[in-house]
N, C-alpha and C. Protein backbone atom coordinates (compact mmCIF):
# COMPACT_ATOMS: atom_id res chain seq x y z
N MET A 1 184.85 175.03 92.98
CA MET A 1 184.60 174.61 92.05
C MET A 1 183.80 173.41 91.53
N GLU A 2 182.65 173.28 90.59
CA GLU A 2 182.08 172.33 90.39
C GLU A 2 182.96 171.49 89.79
N GLU A 3 182.62 170.19 89.14
CA GLU A 3 183.42 168.99 88.79
C GLU A 3 182.58 169.14 87.52
N LEU A 4 183.71 168.87 86.77
CA LEU A 4 182.90 169.12 85.33
C LEU A 4 182.49 167.89 85.43
N VAL A 5 181.44 167.63 84.42
CA VAL A 5 180.55 166.47 83.50
C VAL A 5 181.06 165.70 82.99
N MET A 6 181.40 164.92 82.79
CA MET A 6 182.03 163.61 81.88
C MET A 6 181.10 163.64 80.81
N GLY A 7 180.80 164.47 79.85
CA GLY A 7 179.29 164.15 78.73
C GLY A 7 179.37 163.01 78.29
N LEU A 8 180.68 162.44 77.70
CA LEU A 8 180.34 161.13 76.89
C LEU A 8 180.44 159.67 77.88
N GLU A 9 180.10 160.13 79.29
CA GLU A 9 179.71 158.85 79.80
C GLU A 9 178.11 158.92 80.30
N LEU A 10 177.58 160.17 79.79
CA LEU A 10 175.64 160.16 79.73
C LEU A 10 174.89 159.58 78.52
N ASP A 11 174.29 158.71 79.02
CA ASP A 11 173.31 157.66 77.77
C ASP A 11 172.23 159.16 78.11
N TYR A 12 171.38 158.85 76.91
CA TYR A 12 170.46 160.01 76.79
C TYR A 12 169.82 160.31 77.71
N ASP A 13 169.06 159.25 78.39
CA ASP A 13 168.46 159.93 79.34
C ASP A 13 168.73 160.95 80.51
N GLN A 14 170.57 160.97 80.92
CA GLN A 14 171.14 161.62 81.41
C GLN A 14 171.02 162.71 81.15
N TRP A 15 171.64 163.03 79.98
CA TRP A 15 171.81 163.98 79.03
C TRP A 15 170.77 164.58 79.66
N THR A 16 169.14 164.18 79.31
CA THR A 16 168.29 165.38 79.35
C THR A 16 167.84 166.11 81.14
N GLU A 17 168.10 164.45 81.60
CA GLU A 17 168.38 165.24 83.52
C GLU A 17 169.34 165.86 83.35
N THR A 18 170.99 166.01 82.97
CA THR A 18 171.62 166.97 83.22
C THR A 18 171.08 168.68 82.59
N LEU A 19 170.67 168.09 81.19
CA LEU A 19 170.38 169.59 80.83
C LEU A 19 169.39 170.61 81.44
N THR A 20 168.39 169.66 81.75
CA THR A 20 167.49 170.29 82.45
C THR A 20 167.23 170.75 84.01
N GLY A 21 168.26 169.68 84.77
CA GLY A 21 168.07 169.65 85.65
C GLY A 21 169.39 170.88 86.70
N ASN A 22 170.80 170.62 85.79
CA ASN A 22 171.97 171.65 85.61
C ASN A 22 171.74 172.50 85.03
N PHE A 23 170.62 172.87 84.40
CA PHE A 23 171.58 174.40 83.30
C PHE A 23 169.57 174.33 83.29
N GLY A 24 168.42 174.22 83.99
CA GLY A 24 167.29 174.92 83.58
C GLY A 24 166.59 174.57 81.71
N LEU A 25 167.15 173.79 81.16
CA LEU A 25 167.34 173.86 79.76
C LEU A 25 165.59 173.29 78.90
N GLN A 26 165.35 172.61 77.92
CA GLN A 26 164.35 172.29 77.78
C GLN A 26 164.86 171.01 77.23
N ARG A 27 163.60 169.83 77.04
CA ARG A 27 164.39 168.37 76.72
C ARG A 27 164.83 168.39 75.33
N TYR A 28 164.45 169.69 74.60
CA TYR A 28 165.11 169.54 73.00
C TYR A 28 166.46 169.41 72.79
N ARG A 29 167.13 170.22 74.00
CA ARG A 29 168.39 170.51 73.89
C ARG A 29 169.44 169.18 73.81
N ALA A 30 168.61 167.97 74.86
CA ALA A 30 169.18 166.34 74.54
C ALA A 30 169.61 166.03 72.65
N ASP A 31 168.53 166.55 72.08
CA ASP A 31 168.60 166.07 70.68
C ASP A 31 169.58 166.71 70.06
N GLN A 32 169.34 168.34 70.49
CA GLN A 32 170.73 169.13 69.83
C GLN A 32 171.74 168.86 69.95
N ILE A 33 172.27 168.38 71.22
CA ILE A 33 173.62 167.49 71.50
C ILE A 33 174.38 166.66 71.47
N CYS A 34 173.14 165.54 71.45
CA CYS A 34 173.68 164.11 71.19
C CYS A 34 174.00 164.74 69.90
N GLN A 35 172.80 165.05 68.76
CA GLN A 35 173.23 164.90 67.78
C GLN A 35 174.49 165.71 66.74
N TRP A 36 174.83 166.95 67.56
CA TRP A 36 176.20 167.43 67.19
C TRP A 36 177.53 166.37 67.76
N ILE A 37 177.36 165.96 69.18
CA ILE A 37 178.07 164.83 69.24
C ILE A 37 178.57 163.35 68.74
N TYR A 38 177.39 162.95 67.83
CA TYR A 38 177.46 161.48 68.18
C TYR A 38 177.19 161.31 66.27
N GLN A 39 176.84 162.37 66.11
CA GLN A 39 176.06 162.18 64.36
C GLN A 39 177.40 163.50 63.47
N LYS A 40 177.58 164.34 64.09
CA LYS A 40 178.61 165.70 63.31
C LYS A 40 179.99 165.35 64.19
N LYS A 41 179.96 164.64 64.78
CA LYS A 41 181.17 164.58 65.48
C LYS A 41 182.21 166.19 66.31
N VAL A 42 181.10 166.82 66.46
CA VAL A 42 182.12 167.67 66.79
C VAL A 42 182.23 168.05 68.67
N PHE A 43 183.11 168.58 69.16
CA PHE A 43 183.38 168.08 70.48
C PHE A 43 183.34 169.41 70.85
N ASP A 44 183.75 170.31 70.36
CA ASP A 44 183.74 171.75 70.94
C ASP A 44 182.39 172.28 71.19
N PHE A 45 182.00 172.91 72.50
CA PHE A 45 180.61 173.19 72.06
C PHE A 45 180.74 174.81 71.42
N GLN A 46 181.29 175.13 71.47
CA GLN A 46 181.84 176.25 70.49
C GLN A 46 181.49 176.36 69.31
N GLU A 47 181.29 175.22 68.59
CA GLU A 47 180.96 175.36 67.28
C GLU A 47 179.66 174.76 66.82
N MET A 48 178.90 174.22 68.11
CA MET A 48 177.48 173.69 67.81
C MET A 48 176.08 175.03 67.56
N THR A 49 176.74 175.58 66.17
CA THR A 49 175.82 176.65 66.08
C THR A 49 174.28 177.31 66.06
N ASN A 50 173.54 175.71 66.38
CA ASN A 50 171.73 176.36 66.51
C ASN A 50 171.90 176.48 68.27
N LEU A 51 172.97 176.21 69.14
CA LEU A 51 172.68 176.54 70.23
C LEU A 51 173.51 178.66 70.43
N SER A 52 172.97 179.26 71.50
CA SER A 52 173.16 180.22 71.72
C SER A 52 174.47 180.34 72.22
N LYS A 53 175.39 181.81 72.47
CA LYS A 53 176.27 181.47 72.69
C LYS A 53 176.66 181.84 74.22
N GLU A 54 176.08 182.63 74.81
CA GLU A 54 175.92 182.02 76.07
C GLU A 54 175.38 180.90 76.65
N LEU A 55 175.16 180.17 75.95
CA LEU A 55 174.82 178.60 76.07
C LEU A 55 175.84 178.03 76.25
N ARG A 56 176.52 177.93 75.16
CA ARG A 56 177.75 177.47 74.50
C ARG A 56 178.50 177.30 75.58
N GLY A 57 179.19 178.73 75.98
CA GLY A 57 180.17 178.96 77.28
C GLY A 57 179.53 178.49 78.26
N LYS A 58 178.30 178.06 78.73
CA LYS A 58 177.64 177.69 79.97
C LYS A 58 178.70 176.30 79.49
N LEU A 59 177.77 175.87 78.78
CA LEU A 59 178.34 174.19 78.60
C LEU A 59 179.17 173.76 78.51
N ALA A 60 180.34 174.98 78.02
CA ALA A 60 181.88 174.52 77.86
C ALA A 60 182.99 174.72 78.87
N ASP A 61 181.89 175.42 80.27
CA ASP A 61 182.67 174.99 81.57
C ASP A 61 182.17 174.04 81.80
N ALA A 62 181.55 173.85 81.97
CA ALA A 62 181.24 172.72 82.69
C ALA A 62 180.45 171.15 82.25
N VAL A 63 180.80 170.86 80.79
CA VAL A 63 181.00 169.77 80.54
C VAL A 63 181.69 169.62 79.65
N MET A 64 182.70 168.07 79.90
CA MET A 64 183.21 167.66 79.17
C MET A 64 183.22 166.46 78.22
N VAL A 65 183.43 167.41 76.52
CA VAL A 65 183.12 165.81 76.03
C VAL A 65 183.95 165.57 74.76
N ALA A 66 185.28 165.82 75.11
CA ALA A 66 186.41 165.06 74.21
C ALA A 66 186.83 163.71 74.84
N PRO A 67 187.04 162.90 73.09
CA PRO A 67 187.33 161.56 73.01
C PRO A 67 188.97 161.73 73.76
N PRO A 68 189.43 160.03 73.37
CA PRO A 68 190.99 160.35 74.34
C PRO A 68 191.69 160.62 73.03
N ILE A 69 193.02 160.91 73.48
CA ILE A 69 194.44 161.70 72.46
C ILE A 69 194.79 160.45 71.58
N LEU A 70 194.53 161.03 70.29
CA LEU A 70 195.53 159.98 69.55
C LEU A 70 197.16 160.33 69.73
N THR A 71 197.87 159.03 70.24
CA THR A 71 199.15 159.56 70.44
C THR A 71 200.18 158.43 69.31
N ARG A 72 199.73 157.43 68.24
CA ARG A 72 200.06 156.79 67.49
C ARG A 72 199.25 156.20 66.31
N GLU A 73 199.23 156.21 65.23
CA GLU A 73 198.49 155.79 64.17
C GLU A 73 199.45 154.72 63.17
N GLU A 74 199.16 153.54 63.08
CA GLU A 74 199.93 152.59 61.75
C GLU A 74 198.93 152.06 61.17
N THR A 75 199.19 152.21 59.87
CA THR A 75 198.33 151.87 59.06
C THR A 75 198.85 150.33 58.51
N SER A 76 198.31 149.07 57.85
CA SER A 76 199.44 147.62 57.48
C SER A 76 198.97 147.73 55.94
N LYS A 77 199.51 146.63 55.12
CA LYS A 77 199.52 147.40 53.52
C LYS A 77 197.69 146.54 52.99
N ASP A 78 197.02 146.12 54.18
CA ASP A 78 195.51 145.93 53.44
C ASP A 78 193.87 147.10 54.21
N GLY A 79 195.42 148.05 55.15
CA GLY A 79 194.61 149.29 55.27
C GLY A 79 194.28 149.02 56.91
N THR A 80 194.11 148.08 57.23
CA THR A 80 193.35 148.05 58.69
C THR A 80 194.37 149.46 59.21
N LYS A 81 194.11 150.10 60.46
CA LYS A 81 194.64 151.29 61.31
C LYS A 81 194.90 150.81 62.27
N LYS A 82 196.06 150.32 63.39
CA LYS A 82 195.54 150.47 64.57
C LYS A 82 195.98 151.68 65.34
N TYR A 83 195.21 152.45 66.20
CA TYR A 83 195.46 153.33 67.24
C TYR A 83 195.87 153.37 68.82
N LEU A 84 196.52 154.01 68.92
CA LEU A 84 196.78 153.79 70.20
C LEU A 84 196.32 155.40 71.24
N TRP A 85 195.02 155.71 71.74
CA TRP A 85 194.66 156.17 72.64
C TRP A 85 195.20 157.01 73.91
N GLN A 86 195.12 157.69 74.34
CA GLN A 86 195.65 158.25 75.81
C GLN A 86 194.05 158.63 76.50
N PHE A 87 194.20 158.49 77.88
CA PHE A 87 193.43 158.87 78.07
C PHE A 87 193.24 160.01 79.42
N HIS A 88 192.77 160.75 80.09
CA HIS A 88 192.61 161.71 80.75
C HIS A 88 194.32 161.29 82.35
N ASP A 89 194.09 160.35 82.94
CA ASP A 89 194.53 159.76 83.43
C ASP A 89 196.42 159.62 83.02
N GLY A 90 196.48 159.58 82.05
CA GLY A 90 197.97 159.27 81.36
C GLY A 90 197.92 157.55 80.29
N GLU A 91 196.69 156.88 81.32
CA GLU A 91 197.12 155.16 81.19
C GLU A 91 196.36 155.16 79.31
N ARG A 92 197.07 154.53 78.42
CA ARG A 92 196.51 154.13 77.19
C ARG A 92 195.93 152.78 76.61
N VAL A 93 195.12 152.97 75.71
CA VAL A 93 194.41 151.58 75.19
C VAL A 93 194.77 151.43 73.54
N GLU A 94 194.68 149.86 72.89
CA GLU A 94 194.67 149.99 71.63
C GLU A 94 193.34 150.05 70.73
N SER A 95 192.88 150.50 69.72
CA SER A 95 191.42 150.06 69.39
C SER A 95 192.23 149.99 67.51
N VAL A 96 191.31 149.26 66.60
CA VAL A 96 192.10 148.76 65.59
C VAL A 96 190.44 148.78 64.63
N LEU A 97 190.63 149.71 63.43
CA LEU A 97 189.51 149.89 61.97
C LEU A 97 189.95 149.20 61.23
N LEU A 98 189.28 147.92 61.28
CA LEU A 98 189.29 147.00 59.94
C LEU A 98 187.98 147.45 58.54
N THR A 99 188.97 147.41 57.39
CA THR A 99 188.80 147.42 55.95
C THR A 99 188.30 146.63 55.16
N GLN A 100 186.63 145.83 55.40
CA GLN A 100 186.68 145.06 54.08
C GLN A 100 185.42 145.63 53.34
N GLU A 101 185.72 145.49 52.03
CA GLU A 101 184.52 145.63 51.35
C GLU A 101 183.51 147.01 51.10
N GLY A 102 184.73 147.42 51.71
CA GLY A 102 183.90 149.00 51.24
C GLY A 102 183.21 149.03 52.76
N ARG A 103 183.29 148.32 54.11
CA ARG A 103 182.66 148.44 55.33
C ARG A 103 183.42 148.30 56.39
N LEU A 104 183.64 148.90 57.49
CA LEU A 104 184.06 149.53 58.37
C LEU A 104 184.33 149.21 59.79
N THR A 105 184.83 148.35 60.11
CA THR A 105 184.91 147.73 61.60
C THR A 105 185.18 148.35 62.70
N ALA A 106 185.06 148.51 63.80
CA ALA A 106 185.48 148.87 64.62
C ALA A 106 186.03 148.17 65.58
N CYS A 107 187.15 147.38 66.51
CA CYS A 107 187.38 147.01 67.66
C CYS A 107 187.81 147.59 68.76
N LEU A 108 187.22 147.48 69.82
CA LEU A 108 187.17 148.77 71.39
C LEU A 108 187.98 147.95 72.05
N SER A 109 188.13 148.34 72.71
CA SER A 109 189.36 147.95 73.91
C SER A 109 187.85 148.77 75.07
N THR A 110 187.82 147.30 76.39
CA THR A 110 187.18 147.02 77.48
C THR A 110 187.97 147.93 78.50
N GLN A 111 189.21 147.29 78.73
CA GLN A 111 189.84 147.35 79.93
C GLN A 111 191.56 148.03 79.54
N VAL A 112 192.29 148.32 80.13
CA VAL A 112 193.65 148.81 80.50
C VAL A 112 193.86 147.56 80.85
N GLY A 113 195.74 147.07 79.76
CA GLY A 113 195.44 145.32 80.43
C GLY A 113 193.73 144.36 81.00
N CYS A 114 194.69 143.32 81.10
CA CYS A 114 193.55 141.95 81.18
C CYS A 114 194.04 141.30 82.05
N PRO A 115 192.50 140.77 83.12
CA PRO A 115 193.27 140.10 84.37
C PRO A 115 193.04 138.69 83.97
N LEU A 116 192.71 138.12 82.35
CA LEU A 116 192.71 136.81 81.90
C LEU A 116 194.51 136.46 82.12
N ALA A 117 194.83 137.08 81.20
CA ALA A 117 196.65 136.51 80.87
C ALA A 117 196.52 135.38 80.16
N CYS A 118 195.79 135.25 78.89
CA CYS A 118 195.66 134.48 77.80
C CYS A 118 196.74 134.30 77.40
N THR A 119 197.57 133.27 77.08
CA THR A 119 198.92 132.58 76.57
C THR A 119 198.80 133.50 75.11
N PHE A 120 197.93 133.16 74.51
CA PHE A 120 197.53 133.62 73.09
C PHE A 120 197.33 134.74 72.54
N CYS A 121 197.25 135.64 73.88
CA CYS A 121 196.99 137.38 73.57
C CYS A 121 198.02 138.31 74.30
N ALA A 122 198.12 138.93 73.71
CA ALA A 122 199.27 140.25 74.32
C ALA A 122 198.89 141.34 75.27
N SER A 123 197.47 141.76 75.42
CA SER A 123 196.91 142.34 75.80
C SER A 123 196.85 141.63 77.69
N GLY A 124 197.31 141.20 78.08
CA GLY A 124 197.84 140.81 79.83
C GLY A 124 199.12 140.52 79.92
N GLN A 125 199.85 140.51 79.00
CA GLN A 125 200.92 140.16 79.59
C GLN A 125 201.51 141.41 80.68
N GLY A 126 201.35 142.80 80.64
CA GLY A 126 201.36 143.54 81.27
C GLY A 126 200.67 143.79 82.51
N GLY A 127 199.51 142.31 82.35
CA GLY A 127 199.27 142.73 83.41
C GLY A 127 197.47 143.86 83.56
N PHE A 128 196.76 143.78 84.62
CA PHE A 128 195.59 144.64 84.86
C PHE A 128 195.88 146.22 85.24
N VAL A 129 195.61 146.50 84.77
CA VAL A 129 195.60 147.76 85.76
C VAL A 129 193.92 149.00 86.24
N ARG A 130 193.29 148.67 84.62
CA ARG A 130 191.85 149.40 85.38
C ARG A 130 190.89 148.80 84.19
N ASP A 131 189.91 149.08 84.35
CA ASP A 131 188.11 149.19 83.60
C ASP A 131 188.76 150.18 83.36
N LEU A 132 187.94 150.54 81.48
CA LEU A 132 187.48 151.30 81.15
C LEU A 132 186.29 152.32 81.35
N SER A 133 185.52 153.24 81.22
CA SER A 133 183.98 153.82 81.77
C SER A 133 183.53 153.94 80.13
N ALA A 134 182.77 153.62 80.39
CA ALA A 134 181.60 153.49 79.16
C ALA A 134 182.14 154.50 78.23
N GLY A 135 182.40 155.39 78.69
CA GLY A 135 182.21 157.43 77.90
C GLY A 135 183.97 156.79 77.06
N GLU A 136 184.86 156.03 78.14
CA GLU A 136 186.25 156.06 77.23
C GLU A 136 185.81 154.65 76.08
N ILE A 137 185.12 153.73 76.32
CA ILE A 137 185.13 153.16 74.93
C ILE A 137 184.46 153.55 74.24
N VAL A 138 182.97 154.33 74.15
CA VAL A 138 182.05 154.81 73.36
C VAL A 138 183.71 156.09 72.30
N GLY A 139 184.29 157.04 73.38
CA GLY A 139 184.92 158.01 72.87
C GLY A 139 186.40 157.08 71.70
N GLN A 140 186.36 156.03 72.07
CA GLN A 140 187.52 155.04 70.85
C GLN A 140 186.66 155.34 69.58
N PHE A 141 184.96 154.80 69.67
CA PHE A 141 184.90 154.46 68.80
C PHE A 141 183.88 156.16 68.08
N LEU A 142 184.17 156.99 68.71
CA LEU A 142 183.78 158.42 68.06
C LEU A 142 185.01 159.23 67.18
N ALA A 143 186.45 158.34 68.00
CA ALA A 143 187.53 159.25 67.60
C ALA A 143 187.72 158.52 66.65
N MET A 144 187.39 157.29 66.68
CA MET A 144 187.80 156.63 65.20
C MET A 144 186.77 156.89 63.77
N GLU A 145 185.84 157.22 64.26
CA GLU A 145 184.63 157.64 63.00
C GLU A 145 184.87 159.23 62.69
N ASN A 146 185.57 159.91 63.48
CA ASN A 146 186.20 161.20 63.05
C ASN A 146 186.93 161.30 61.96
N LEU A 147 187.96 160.72 62.64
CA LEU A 147 189.11 160.59 61.62
C LEU A 147 188.98 159.36 60.50
N ALA A 148 187.95 158.86 60.79
CA ALA A 148 187.73 157.83 59.17
C ALA A 148 187.17 159.05 57.79
N GLY A 149 185.98 159.95 57.93
CA GLY A 149 185.22 160.51 57.57
C GLY A 149 184.39 159.87 57.85
N ARG A 150 183.64 159.34 57.90
CA ARG A 150 182.55 158.19 57.48
C ARG A 150 182.03 157.18 58.84
N ASP A 151 180.81 157.02 58.46
CA ASP A 151 180.57 156.41 59.32
C ASP A 151 181.31 155.11 59.51
N ILE A 152 181.51 154.31 60.67
CA ILE A 152 181.79 153.02 60.85
C ILE A 152 180.60 152.34 60.80
N ASP A 153 180.40 150.72 60.31
CA ASP A 153 179.44 150.66 60.06
C ASP A 153 178.90 149.23 61.26
N ASN A 154 180.23 148.81 61.78
CA ASN A 154 179.88 147.40 62.61
C ASN A 154 181.06 147.36 64.28
N VAL A 155 180.50 147.63 65.01
CA VAL A 155 181.73 146.99 66.54
C VAL A 155 182.04 145.51 66.50
N VAL A 156 182.96 145.67 67.38
CA VAL A 156 183.03 144.34 68.24
C VAL A 156 184.47 144.60 69.14
N TYR A 157 183.90 144.28 70.52
CA TYR A 157 184.62 144.76 71.56
C TYR A 157 185.07 143.24 71.70
N MET A 158 186.54 143.35 70.81
CA MET A 158 187.75 142.82 70.75
C MET A 158 189.40 143.49 71.06
N GLY A 159 189.17 144.55 71.96
CA GLY A 159 190.12 145.28 71.57
C GLY A 159 191.16 144.65 72.81
N MET A 160 191.82 145.37 73.58
CA MET A 160 192.19 145.16 74.91
C MET A 160 191.22 144.73 76.21
N GLY A 161 191.46 143.85 77.19
CA GLY A 161 190.93 143.42 78.01
C GLY A 161 189.42 142.45 77.58
N GLU A 162 188.60 141.88 78.92
CA GLU A 162 187.65 141.08 78.41
C GLU A 162 186.01 141.49 78.77
N PRO A 163 185.30 142.03 78.26
CA PRO A 163 184.59 143.04 78.36
C PRO A 163 183.50 142.42 79.14
N PHE A 164 183.55 141.27 79.29
CA PHE A 164 182.77 140.53 80.35
C PHE A 164 182.97 140.90 82.22
N LEU A 165 184.26 141.05 81.95
CA LEU A 165 184.72 141.77 83.05
C LEU A 165 184.82 142.88 83.41
N ASN A 166 184.02 143.78 82.77
CA ASN A 166 183.63 145.19 82.63
C ASN A 166 181.80 145.24 82.41
N GLN A 167 181.61 144.20 82.88
CA GLN A 167 180.42 144.39 81.65
C GLN A 167 179.68 145.86 82.16
N GLU A 168 179.52 146.40 82.87
CA GLU A 168 178.73 147.69 83.43
C GLU A 168 178.71 148.42 82.33
N SER A 169 180.12 149.00 82.38
CA SER A 169 180.63 149.53 81.46
C SER A 169 180.44 149.47 79.75
N VAL A 170 180.38 147.98 79.59
CA VAL A 170 180.15 147.29 78.38
C VAL A 170 178.53 148.02 77.90
N PHE A 171 178.00 147.24 78.37
CA PHE A 171 176.54 147.64 78.77
C PHE A 171 175.73 148.66 78.50
N LYS A 172 176.00 149.69 78.78
CA LYS A 172 175.74 151.08 78.59
C LYS A 172 176.96 151.90 77.69
N SER A 173 177.80 151.02 77.09
CA SER A 173 178.47 151.77 76.10
C SER A 173 178.08 151.54 75.16
N ILE A 174 177.01 150.01 74.85
CA ILE A 174 176.35 150.02 73.86
C ILE A 174 174.49 150.46 73.81
N LYS A 175 174.66 150.89 74.83
CA LYS A 175 173.38 151.70 75.37
C LYS A 175 173.39 152.50 74.24
N ILE A 176 174.78 153.66 74.69
CA ILE A 176 174.16 154.91 73.96
C ILE A 176 175.11 154.64 72.71
N LEU A 177 175.37 153.37 71.85
CA LEU A 177 175.82 153.74 70.58
C LEU A 177 174.51 153.16 69.27
N ASN A 178 173.70 152.18 71.13
CA ASN A 178 173.05 151.70 69.76
C ASN A 178 171.91 153.17 70.17
N GLU A 179 171.41 154.01 70.69
CA GLU A 179 170.38 155.04 70.90
C GLU A 179 170.12 155.92 69.96
N PRO A 180 168.87 155.61 69.49
CA PRO A 180 168.21 156.52 68.05
C PRO A 180 168.27 158.13 68.17
N LYS A 181 168.70 158.90 69.17
CA LYS A 181 169.09 159.76 69.37
C LYS A 181 170.20 160.62 69.80
N MET A 182 170.72 159.11 70.01
CA MET A 182 173.14 159.55 69.69
C MET A 182 173.57 159.19 68.70
N ARG A 183 173.73 157.92 68.45
CA ARG A 183 174.80 157.51 67.51
C ARG A 183 173.76 156.40 66.78
N GLY A 184 172.73 155.69 67.17
CA GLY A 184 171.73 154.67 66.10
C GLY A 184 172.32 153.83 65.49
N LEU A 185 173.53 153.01 66.45
CA LEU A 185 174.39 152.05 65.72
C LEU A 185 173.55 150.94 65.73
N GLY A 186 172.81 150.12 65.16
CA GLY A 186 171.97 148.94 65.15
C GLY A 186 172.44 147.63 65.63
N ILE A 187 171.58 147.19 66.76
CA ILE A 187 172.29 146.38 67.74
C ILE A 187 172.49 145.05 67.17
N ARG A 188 172.08 144.98 65.96
CA ARG A 188 172.51 143.37 65.53
C ARG A 188 174.19 143.78 64.83
N ARG A 189 174.68 145.26 64.43
CA ARG A 189 175.68 145.41 64.36
C ARG A 189 177.09 145.52 65.43
N ILE A 190 176.20 145.35 66.44
CA ILE A 190 176.98 145.03 67.43
C ILE A 190 177.02 143.71 67.72
N THR A 191 178.95 143.32 68.21
CA THR A 191 179.06 142.31 68.39
C THR A 191 180.33 142.23 70.02
N ILE A 192 180.20 141.38 70.62
CA ILE A 192 180.77 140.94 71.80
C ILE A 192 181.87 139.62 71.75
N SER A 193 183.26 139.79 71.35
CA SER A 193 184.02 138.30 71.75
C SER A 193 184.21 138.67 73.22
N THR A 194 184.36 137.70 73.79
CA THR A 194 184.76 137.12 75.36
C THR A 194 185.59 135.35 75.20
N ALA A 195 186.16 135.15 76.27
CA ALA A 195 187.31 133.95 76.74
C ALA A 195 186.21 133.05 77.35
N GLY A 196 184.84 133.77 77.73
CA GLY A 196 183.82 132.88 77.72
C GLY A 196 183.61 132.92 79.22
N ILE A 197 183.46 134.19 79.96
CA ILE A 197 182.63 134.62 80.71
C ILE A 197 181.19 134.17 80.91
N VAL A 198 180.94 132.93 81.62
CA VAL A 198 179.16 132.66 81.63
C VAL A 198 178.64 133.69 81.89
N PRO A 199 178.08 134.65 83.47
CA PRO A 199 177.87 135.38 83.83
C PRO A 199 177.61 136.38 82.69
N GLY A 200 178.78 137.19 82.03
CA GLY A 200 178.49 137.85 81.10
C GLY A 200 177.37 137.53 79.57
N ILE A 201 178.09 136.45 79.73
CA ILE A 201 176.87 135.88 78.61
C ILE A 201 175.54 135.97 79.01
N LEU A 202 175.08 135.13 79.93
CA LEU A 202 173.23 135.10 81.01
C LEU A 202 173.23 136.34 80.47
N ALA A 203 173.71 137.20 80.85
CA ALA A 203 173.18 138.71 81.19
C ALA A 203 173.01 139.29 80.14
N LEU A 204 174.08 139.07 78.80
CA LEU A 204 173.43 139.50 77.62
C LEU A 204 171.98 139.10 76.66
N ALA A 205 172.48 137.75 77.22
CA ALA A 205 171.12 136.93 76.46
C ALA A 205 170.06 137.76 77.11
N GLU A 206 169.55 138.18 78.32
CA GLU A 206 168.27 139.04 79.56
C GLU A 206 168.47 139.97 78.61
């Protein structure tokens, strides 16, 4: 049995390559599928009605696009929401959705735990477990947007973990969210919060 393709890990070029190479499809199918996932928040291929029934079945058998599982949700008096997500291996992270003057800001985690163990931050108290993949970072965003029922306006990489110690996944997740044919979130609406990892700051500047 072939290993499932983890769809949320793919950037636009990889989606195109997967669909044309693995399934023999035309390039425009990547546009259709990315629109369903990233703009309409449809994670079940059987609900993608502009695809043939046969194609939907093939994709459902070979590609996984499910976001993380919500295990707990808390809402504060000011409307801030905190979510606890569980990934396929059972590890969990939190992310937060802030509401201010009608705008929504998602605070995303980038690691399970944190290796820095800063005294002012709870994330590192339990130690560092692992980095999140790009798809696990993007999945938090898509799941929150789906629950909110509207577009999220801004993203801050400021949840669990130090973003610049998981640079490859963070940068790829930004590429996915920013891609016009995927989510199309403006680059000026994306912020990375760091404890001061200089190589990461320089890499971002480049």
